[in-house]
């Protein structure tokens, strides 16, 4: 009789542990994009005039010419070392109007 009660209690505890674990896993969510939409919208307002686009490729910052699918230049700036907000913007693409702005953006990302 004592073994039956111990087995029942153990079974109830296992069920409760399973529900607790399931609840914990369910509450874990993907981290939100650290760049608010308003900030990115302001940045992209000039995208119609952009001649270049900075994006991440193979773990580094790459420079694309507007409308091109292949990187024009690969930089030595590793994206893993960047702030989360910079990585998020690079995933979306950072537009630049001219090569001068590209150089300023790369200087900012590289420092």
Protein backbone atom coordinates (compact mmCIF):
# COMPACT_ATOMS: atom_id res chain seq x y z
CA UNK A 1 0.00 0.00 0.00
CA UNK A 2 2.82 2.42 0.86
CA UNK A 3 4.48 1.75 -2.50
CA UNK A 4 1.21 2.57 -4.30
CA UNK A 5 0.91 5.93 -2.54
CA UNK A 6 4.56 6.78 -3.20
CA UNK A 7 4.13 5.86 -6.87
CA UNK A 8 1.01 8.05 -7.16
CA UNK A 9 2.75 11.01 -5.49
CA UNK A 10 5.76 10.55 -7.76
CA UNK A 11 3.48 10.46 -10.80
CA UNK A 12 1.72 13.67 -9.76
CA UNK A 13 5.06 15.37 -9.18
CA UNK A 14 6.30 14.31 -12.63
CA UNK A 15 3.15 15.69 -14.27
CA UNK A 16 3.53 19.00 -12.39
CA UNK A 17 7.20 19.20 -13.37
CA UNK A 18 6.30 18.59 -17.02
CA UNK A 19 3.66 21.35 -16.96
CA UNK A 20 6.09 23.75 -15.29
CA UNK A 21 8.78 23.04 -17.89
CA UNK A 22 6.27 23.47 -20.71
CA UNK A 23 5.13 26.80 -19.23
CA UNK A 24 8.70 28.02 -18.93
CA UNK A 25 9.52 27.11 -22.53
CA UNK A 26 6.32 28.74 -23.74
CA UNK A 27 7.25 32.08 -22.12
CA UNK A 28 10.64 32.28 -23.82
CA UNK A 29 10.23 34.57 -26.81
CA UNK A 30 12.50 35.75 -29.54
CA UNK A 31 14.22 38.99 -28.62
CA UNK A 32 12.53 41.98 -30.15
CA UNK A 33 14.27 43.87 -32.90
CA UNK A 34 16.21 46.54 -30.98
CA UNK A 35 15.60 49.18 -33.66
CA UNK A 36 12.24 50.93 -33.27
CA UNK A 37 10.28 51.14 -36.52
CA UNK A 38 10.17 54.96 -36.33
CA UNK A 39 13.96 55.22 -36.26
CA UNK A 40 14.40 52.78 -39.13
CA UNK A 41 11.65 54.54 -41.11
CA UNK A 42 13.48 57.85 -40.75
CA UNK A 43 16.71 56.21 -41.88
CA UNK A 44 15.00 54.65 -44.90
CA UNK A 45 13.18 57.84 -45.89
CA UNK A 46 16.17 58.60 -48.09
CA UNK A 47 16.30 55.08 -49.57
CA UNK A 48 14.88 56.34 -52.85
CA UNK A 49 17.99 58.49 -53.26
CA UNK A 50 20.38 55.84 -51.97
CA UNK A 51 23.14 54.72 -54.30
CA UNK A 52 24.51 52.19 -51.78
CA UNK A 53 23.22 49.77 -49.17
CA UNK A 54 25.18 48.34 -46.25
CA UNK A 55 24.23 44.80 -45.23
CA UNK A 56 25.68 41.82 -43.43
CA UNK A 57 27.20 39.08 -45.53
CA UNK A 58 29.26 36.13 -44.26
CA UNK A 59 29.67 37.76 -40.85
CA UNK A 60 31.06 41.07 -42.10
CA UNK A 61 29.64 44.38 -43.30
CA UNK A 62 29.23 44.44 -47.07
CA UNK A 63 28.58 47.40 -49.37
CA UNK A 64 26.10 46.94 -52.21
CA UNK A 65 25.32 49.27 -55.05
CA UNK A 66 21.63 50.11 -55.18
CA UNK A 67 19.68 47.43 -57.02
CA UNK A 68 22.58 44.95 -57.10
CA UNK A 69 22.38 41.45 -55.62
CA UNK A 70 26.14 40.99 -55.29
CA UNK A 71 28.32 42.91 -52.83
CA UNK A 72 30.46 45.62 -54.38
CA UNK A 73 32.89 45.59 -51.43
CA UNK A 74 33.43 43.39 -48.40
CA UNK A 75 34.80 45.11 -45.32
CA UNK A 76 36.80 43.70 -42.45
CA UNK A 77 34.17 44.84 -39.96
CA UNK A 78 32.85 41.74 -38.20
CA UNK A 79 29.18 42.02 -37.36
CA UNK A 80 29.52 39.85 -34.24
CA UNK A 81 31.46 42.70 -32.60
CA UNK A 82 28.75 45.28 -33.33
CA UNK A 83 25.92 46.47 -31.07
CA UNK A 84 22.63 44.58 -31.37
CA UNK A 85 20.95 47.65 -32.85
CA UNK A 86 23.62 47.98 -35.55
CA UNK A 87 23.31 44.28 -36.42
CA UNK A 88 19.53 44.66 -36.62
CA UNK A 89 19.84 47.62 -38.99
CA UNK A 90 22.33 45.75 -41.15
CA UNK A 91 19.91 42.82 -41.43
CA UNK A 92 17.34 45.26 -42.82
CA UNK A 93 19.91 47.23 -44.82
CA UNK A 94 21.33 50.71 -44.19
CA UNK A 95 20.92 53.04 -47.19
CA UNK A 96 23.59 55.59 -48.10
CA UNK A 97 23.21 58.37 -50.65
CA UNK A 98 26.84 58.51 -51.80
CA UNK A 99 30.30 57.06 -51.18
CA UNK A 100 31.05 59.78 -48.62
CA UNK A 101 28.12 58.64 -46.50
CA UNK A 102 29.22 55.02 -46.92
CA UNK A 103 32.66 55.91 -45.57
CA UNK A 104 31.13 57.76 -42.59
CA UNK A 105 28.88 54.79 -41.80
CA UNK A 106 31.78 52.35 -42.08
CA UNK A 107 33.91 54.55 -39.83
CA UNK A 108 31.11 54.61 -37.26
CA UNK A 109 30.59 50.84 -37.44
CA UNK A 110 34.31 50.13 -37.31
CA UNK A 111 35.02 52.20 -34.23
